[in-house]
Amino acid sequence: MHGQPAMFLIDTGASMHVLASWFVAAAKIDSKSSAGTARGSTGSETSLRVVKQLDGKFENGARLQLAETIVVEFPPIFAELEIAGLLSPQLLARTGQAAVLDFRVPSLNFEEFETAIDRVGAQSLPDARVCIDKESEFKNRSYAIPITALGAKALVIVDSGATGTFIAAETQIARALESQALEGNRTQGVGGAVDENRHVPGVELLRGRVPVAVDLVIGKSPGPSCGPDGLLGMDALHQCLLVLGDEVWNDVLTMISAPHRANDRRWSS
């Protein structure tokens, strides 16, 4: 982009495309101030700027066109690792299409929703919820699903940008695990705010129809959102395939967990 090599995180928890301020400065990309704010995974808010009509190319030559992106301050590690920002895969798909994100390969494809369902044999999650902030000035979309642990339920954002799974201290799941919680976790999100958290190793969560064991982080609520109880991170998603539809579909998200097919290695636009 602008002659500057870029590496992005594919982040289902990002309801919008996001550029890191260090990359915008390095690539000399023009941005304009915005009256809005962005809320990170820790619940903190930060001011932001906006970039319109940004073009680039993936390594395979496929064109990357971003109609709008927001620009925010990220933790210093983004600049240290030269991560340019976050791409929201669900917003890269055209209207009526699904983003098919297979973490087992990994691969990202875009195709008609029903075609994707038929191809992968995925079953819908009837309680999945599409999240759209209609008061935002920006196009946005994310997804929330219910999870269960020790018989207690919570509604969490599907967040491939989070390395671990996080649950708010106010939830039934967190209260059920309170006696097992250990000190010593720290979380840093958009804006650089750092929160001290607790964690419980080896918690079995049921997400979709398949259980998974995670080191569950317990901390401050991420604030009002479609998934108010926390985040389902890559420790719970790494063996999953997601079919992410848009707001016109009733079945907005499907998830399966099964051994990957060796010949199913694709990245396309």
Protein backbone atom coordinates (compact mmCIF):
# COMPACT_ATOMS: atom_id res chain seq x y z
CA MET A 1 0.00 0.00 0.00
CA HIS A 2 1.47 3.34 -1.11
CA GLY A 3 4.65 1.38 -1.84
CA GLN A 4 4.89 0.26 1.79
CA PRO A 5 4.80 -3.51 2.51
CA ALA A 6 1.99 -4.33 4.90
CA MET A 7 1.04 -7.27 7.08
CA PHE A 8 -2.47 -7.37 8.52
CA LEU A 9 -4.28 -9.46 11.09
CA ILE A 10 -7.46 -11.11 9.78
CA ASP A 11 -9.77 -10.11 12.59
CA THR A 12 -13.43 -11.17 12.79
CA GLY A 13 -13.69 -9.14 15.99
CA ALA A 14 -12.91 -5.96 14.06
CA SER A 15 -16.27 -4.62 12.95
CA MET A 16 -14.39 -2.21 10.62
CA HIS A 17 -11.05 -2.24 8.82
CA VAL A 18 -8.43 -0.59 11.01
CA LEU A 19 -5.03 0.92 10.16
CA ALA A 20 -2.33 1.40 12.76
CA SER A 21 -1.19 5.00 13.09
CA TRP A 22 2.48 4.01 12.74
CA PHE A 23 1.76 2.50 9.29
CA VAL A 24 -0.24 5.51 8.09
CA ALA A 25 2.69 7.74 8.98
CA ALA A 26 5.29 5.40 7.40
CA ALA A 27 3.29 5.01 4.16
CA LYS A 28 2.42 8.74 4.06
CA ILE A 29 -1.31 8.00 3.76
CA ASP A 30 -3.67 10.98 4.04
CA SER A 31 -6.22 10.70 6.83
CA LYS A 32 -8.94 12.98 8.14
CA SER A 33 -10.14 13.48 11.69
CA SER A 34 -13.42 11.92 12.79
CA ALA A 35 -15.80 12.82 15.57
CA GLY A 36 -16.25 9.12 16.40
CA THR A 37 -14.32 6.88 18.76
CA ALA A 38 -13.27 3.22 18.61
CA ARG A 39 -13.82 0.75 21.45
CA GLY A 40 -11.11 -1.89 21.84
CA SER A 41 -11.35 -5.43 23.21
CA THR A 42 -10.57 -4.18 26.73
CA GLY A 43 -13.53 -1.77 26.60
CA SER A 44 -11.40 1.39 26.41
CA GLU A 45 -12.18 4.05 23.81
CA THR A 46 -9.74 5.98 21.64
CA SER A 47 -10.05 8.83 19.15
CA LEU A 48 -9.66 7.97 15.49
CA ARG A 49 -9.00 9.25 12.00
CA VAL A 50 -10.39 8.02 8.66
CA VAL A 51 -8.83 7.00 5.34
CA LYS A 52 -11.00 6.75 2.21
CA GLN A 53 -10.44 4.63 -0.93
CA LEU A 54 -7.26 2.77 -0.13
CA ASP A 55 -5.95 0.31 -2.73
CA GLY A 56 -3.38 -2.45 -2.42
CA LYS A 57 -2.60 -6.00 -3.49
CA PHE A 58 -2.24 -9.30 -1.69
CA GLU A 59 0.91 -11.37 -2.26
CA ASN A 60 -0.97 -13.53 -4.79
CA GLY A 61 -1.80 -10.45 -6.89
CA ALA A 62 -5.46 -10.20 -5.85
CA ARG A 63 -6.54 -6.59 -5.47
CA LEU A 64 -7.39 -5.19 -2.05
CA GLN A 65 -9.80 -2.25 -2.13
CA LEU A 66 -10.87 -0.61 1.13
CA ALA A 67 -13.59 2.01 0.75
CA GLU A 68 -12.96 3.30 4.26
CA THR A 69 -10.70 2.45 7.16
CA ILE A 70 -10.29 3.97 10.58
CA VAL A 71 -6.88 4.87 11.98
CA VAL A 72 -6.11 4.36 15.67
CA GLU A 73 -3.20 4.02 18.06
CA PHE A 74 -2.28 0.39 18.67
CA PRO A 75 -0.01 -1.09 21.36
CA PRO A 76 3.72 -0.65 20.52
CA ILE A 77 4.07 -4.31 19.54
CA PHE A 78 2.21 -3.61 16.28
CA ALA A 79 4.98 -1.28 15.13
CA GLU A 80 7.67 -3.62 16.49
CA LEU A 81 6.25 -6.54 14.46
CA GLU A 82 5.38 -4.25 11.51
CA ILE A 83 1.67 -5.13 11.66
CA ALA A 84 -0.18 -2.49 9.64
CA GLY A 85 -3.61 -3.06 11.16
CA LEU A 86 -6.70 -5.25 11.09
CA LEU A 87 -8.74 -6.49 8.14
CA SER A 88 -12.35 -7.39 8.84
CA PRO A 89 -12.89 -10.45 6.57
CA GLN A 90 -16.68 -10.14 6.67
CA LEU A 91 -16.41 -6.65 5.14
CA LEU A 92 -14.18 -7.85 2.31
CA ALA A 93 -17.04 -10.00 0.95
CA ARG A 94 -19.53 -8.46 -1.47
CA THR A 95 -23.21 -8.15 -0.52
CA GLY A 96 -24.85 -11.58 -0.59
CA GLN A 97 -21.52 -13.36 -0.30
CA ALA A 98 -19.97 -15.12 2.67
CA ALA A 99 -16.42 -14.91 3.92
CA VAL A 100 -15.28 -18.50 4.46
CA LEU A 101 -12.50 -18.46 7.03
CA ASP A 102 -10.83 -21.83 7.67
CA PHE A 103 -8.32 -21.67 10.51
CA ARG A 104 -7.35 -25.31 10.02
CA VAL A 105 -5.55 -24.64 6.72
CA PRO A 106 -5.56 -21.54 7.02
CA SER A 107 -7.49 -19.99 4.12
CA LEU A 108 -9.93 -17.20 3.32
CA ASN A 109 -12.41 -17.48 0.44
CA PHE A 110 -15.44 -15.49 -0.72
CA GLU A 111 -18.45 -17.16 -2.32
CA GLU A 112 -22.25 -17.20 -2.33
CA PHE A 113 -23.55 -18.04 1.12
CA GLU A 114 -25.60 -21.09 0.13
CA THR A 115 -22.78 -22.37 -2.08
CA ALA A 116 -20.38 -22.13 0.84
CA ILE A 117 -22.75 -23.99 3.16
CA ASP A 118 -23.21 -26.78 0.63
CA ARG A 119 -19.48 -27.05 -0.09
CA VAL A 120 -18.23 -27.31 3.47
CA GLY A 121 -21.24 -29.11 4.93
CA ALA A 122 -21.46 -26.66 7.82
CA GLN A 123 -24.49 -26.43 10.07
CA SER A 124 -25.86 -23.10 11.18
CA LEU A 125 -25.72 -21.81 14.73
CA PRO A 126 -29.33 -20.78 15.33
CA ASP A 127 -28.42 -18.56 18.30
CA ALA A 128 -25.64 -16.71 16.46
CA ARG A 129 -26.21 -12.98 16.17
CA VAL A 130 -25.06 -10.45 13.62
CA CYS A 131 -23.88 -7.22 15.24
CA ILE A 132 -24.34 -3.91 13.43
CA ASP A 133 -24.02 -0.53 15.11
CA LYS A 134 -26.60 1.46 13.16
CA GLU A 135 -25.62 4.68 14.90
CA SER A 136 -22.05 4.48 13.60
CA GLU A 137 -21.02 6.64 10.66
CA PHE A 138 -19.06 3.66 9.29
CA LYS A 139 -20.13 0.40 7.71
CA ASN A 140 -19.58 -2.26 10.34
CA ARG A 141 -20.39 -5.85 11.23
CA SER A 142 -19.30 -8.48 13.74
CA TYR A 143 -20.78 -11.66 15.21
CA ALA A 144 -21.71 -13.06 18.62
CA ILE A 145 -22.39 -16.64 19.68
CA PRO A 146 -23.36 -18.31 22.95
CA ILE A 147 -20.82 -20.40 24.84
CA THR A 148 -21.34 -22.71 27.81
CA ALA A 149 -19.04 -23.71 30.69
CA LEU A 150 -20.02 -25.56 33.88
CA GLY A 151 -23.65 -25.29 32.79
CA ALA A 152 -23.50 -21.48 32.66
CA LYS A 153 -23.93 -19.50 29.41
CA ALA A 154 -22.50 -16.29 27.99
CA LEU A 155 -22.77 -14.36 24.72
CA VAL A 156 -19.37 -13.51 23.23
CA ILE A 157 -17.93 -11.87 20.11
CA VAL A 158 -16.18 -14.21 17.66
CA ASP A 159 -12.75 -12.57 17.63
CA SER A 160 -9.92 -14.07 15.57
CA GLY A 161 -7.82 -11.03 16.47
CA ALA A 162 -7.70 -12.12 20.12
CA THR A 163 -5.10 -14.73 21.03
CA GLY A 164 -7.13 -15.93 24.01
CA THR A 165 -10.73 -16.25 25.14
CA PHE A 166 -11.97 -13.63 27.58
CA ILE A 167 -15.04 -13.55 29.82
CA ALA A 168 -16.37 -10.63 31.88
CA ALA A 169 -16.17 -10.97 35.66
CA GLU A 170 -19.89 -10.18 35.97
CA THR A 171 -21.00 -13.27 34.00
CA GLN A 172 -22.37 -16.53 35.40
CA ILE A 173 -19.40 -18.41 33.93
CA ALA A 174 -16.89 -16.18 35.73
CA ARG A 175 -18.75 -16.51 39.03
CA ALA A 176 -18.83 -20.31 38.67
CA LEU A 177 -15.03 -20.33 38.17
CA GLU A 178 -14.18 -17.70 40.78
CA SER A 179 -12.63 -20.12 43.29
CA GLN A 180 -10.25 -21.49 40.61
CA ALA A 181 -9.07 -18.15 39.22
CA LEU A 182 -5.35 -17.30 39.32
CA GLU A 183 -3.75 -13.85 39.25
CA GLY A 184 -1.26 -12.60 36.70
CA ASN A 185 -2.80 -11.93 33.28
CA ARG A 186 -2.53 -8.59 31.46
CA THR A 187 -4.56 -7.50 28.43
CA GLN A 188 -3.65 -4.63 26.09
CA GLY A 189 -6.03 -3.49 23.36
CA VAL A 190 -6.71 -0.62 20.96
CA GLY A 191 -5.48 2.65 22.43
CA GLY A 192 -2.80 0.88 24.45
CA ALA A 193 -4.82 0.58 27.69
CA VAL A 194 -3.60 -2.26 29.92
CA ASP A 195 -5.94 -4.21 32.20
CA GLU A 196 -4.98 -6.64 34.94
CA ASN A 197 -6.97 -9.89 34.73
CA ARG A 198 -7.24 -13.32 36.31
CA HIS A 199 -7.33 -16.64 34.46
CA VAL A 200 -8.49 -20.23 34.91
CA PRO A 201 -6.47 -22.93 33.10
CA GLY A 202 -8.09 -25.89 31.36
CA VAL A 203 -11.69 -24.66 31.21
CA GLU A 204 -13.88 -26.73 28.86
CA LEU A 205 -16.10 -24.48 26.76
CA LEU A 206 -18.83 -25.56 24.42
CA ARG A 207 -18.82 -23.30 21.33
CA GLY A 208 -20.97 -24.27 18.42
CA ARG A 209 -21.53 -27.96 18.94
CA VAL A 210 -17.96 -28.84 19.84
CA PRO A 211 -16.12 -28.54 23.20
CA VAL A 212 -12.66 -27.01 23.52
CA ALA A 213 -10.33 -26.51 26.50
CA VAL A 214 -8.90 -23.00 26.99
CA ASP A 215 -7.00 -20.92 29.51
CA LEU A 216 -9.96 -18.62 30.20
CA VAL A 217 -9.18 -15.00 31.04
CA ILE A 218 -11.55 -13.22 33.43
CA GLY A 219 -11.62 -9.45 33.62
CA LYS A 220 -13.38 -6.17 33.04
CA SER A 221 -16.49 -6.16 30.85
CA PRO A 222 -15.82 -4.98 27.26
CA GLY A 223 -18.83 -2.68 27.64
CA PRO A 224 -22.10 -2.44 25.74
CA SER A 225 -21.96 -4.55 22.60
CA CYS A 226 -23.72 -7.31 20.74
CA GLY A 227 -21.55 -9.81 22.63
CA PRO A 228 -21.45 -8.13 26.04
CA ASP A 229 -19.98 -11.07 27.95
CA GLY A 230 -16.56 -11.36 26.31
CA LEU A 231 -14.53 -12.60 23.33
CA LEU A 232 -14.00 -16.03 21.76
CA GLY A 233 -10.33 -15.97 20.76
CA MET A 234 -7.99 -18.04 18.63
CA ASP A 235 -7.34 -20.60 21.40
CA ALA A 236 -10.98 -21.66 20.85
CA LEU A 237 -11.13 -21.01 17.08
CA HIS A 238 -7.91 -22.52 15.71
CA GLN A 239 -9.60 -25.78 14.62
CA CYS A 240 -12.76 -24.11 13.32
CA LEU A 241 -14.17 -23.11 9.96
CA LEU A 242 -16.42 -20.04 9.90
CA VAL A 243 -18.92 -19.04 7.24
CA LEU A 244 -19.63 -15.35 7.82
CA GLY A 245 -22.71 -14.00 6.05
CA ASP A 246 -24.10 -10.48 5.88
CA GLU A 247 -27.18 -8.89 7.37
CA VAL A 248 -29.56 -10.23 4.70
CA TRP A 249 -29.12 -13.83 5.90
CA ASN A 250 -30.88 -15.47 8.81
CA ASP A 251 -28.01 -17.95 9.17
CA VAL A 252 -25.30 -15.38 9.71
CA LEU A 253 -22.57 -17.63 10.99
CA THR A 254 -21.73 -21.31 10.91
CA MET A 255 -18.90 -23.10 12.62
CA ILE A 256 -17.54 -26.59 12.25
CA SER A 257 -14.55 -28.31 13.77
CA ALA A 258 -13.07 -31.29 11.92
CA PRO A 259 -9.76 -32.45 10.39
CA HIS A 260 -8.87 -30.26 7.40
CA ARG A 261 -8.69 -31.57 3.87
CA ALA A 262 -5.14 -31.41 2.51
CA ASN A 263 -6.27 -30.17 -0.91
CA ASP A 264 -8.36 -27.32 0.50
CA ARG A 265 -5.62 -24.65 0.58
CA ARG A 266 -6.81 -21.43 -1.00
CA TRP A 267 -6.67 -17.67 -0.63
CA SER A 268 -8.89 -15.85 -3.09
CA SER A 269 -10.83 -12.65 -3.50
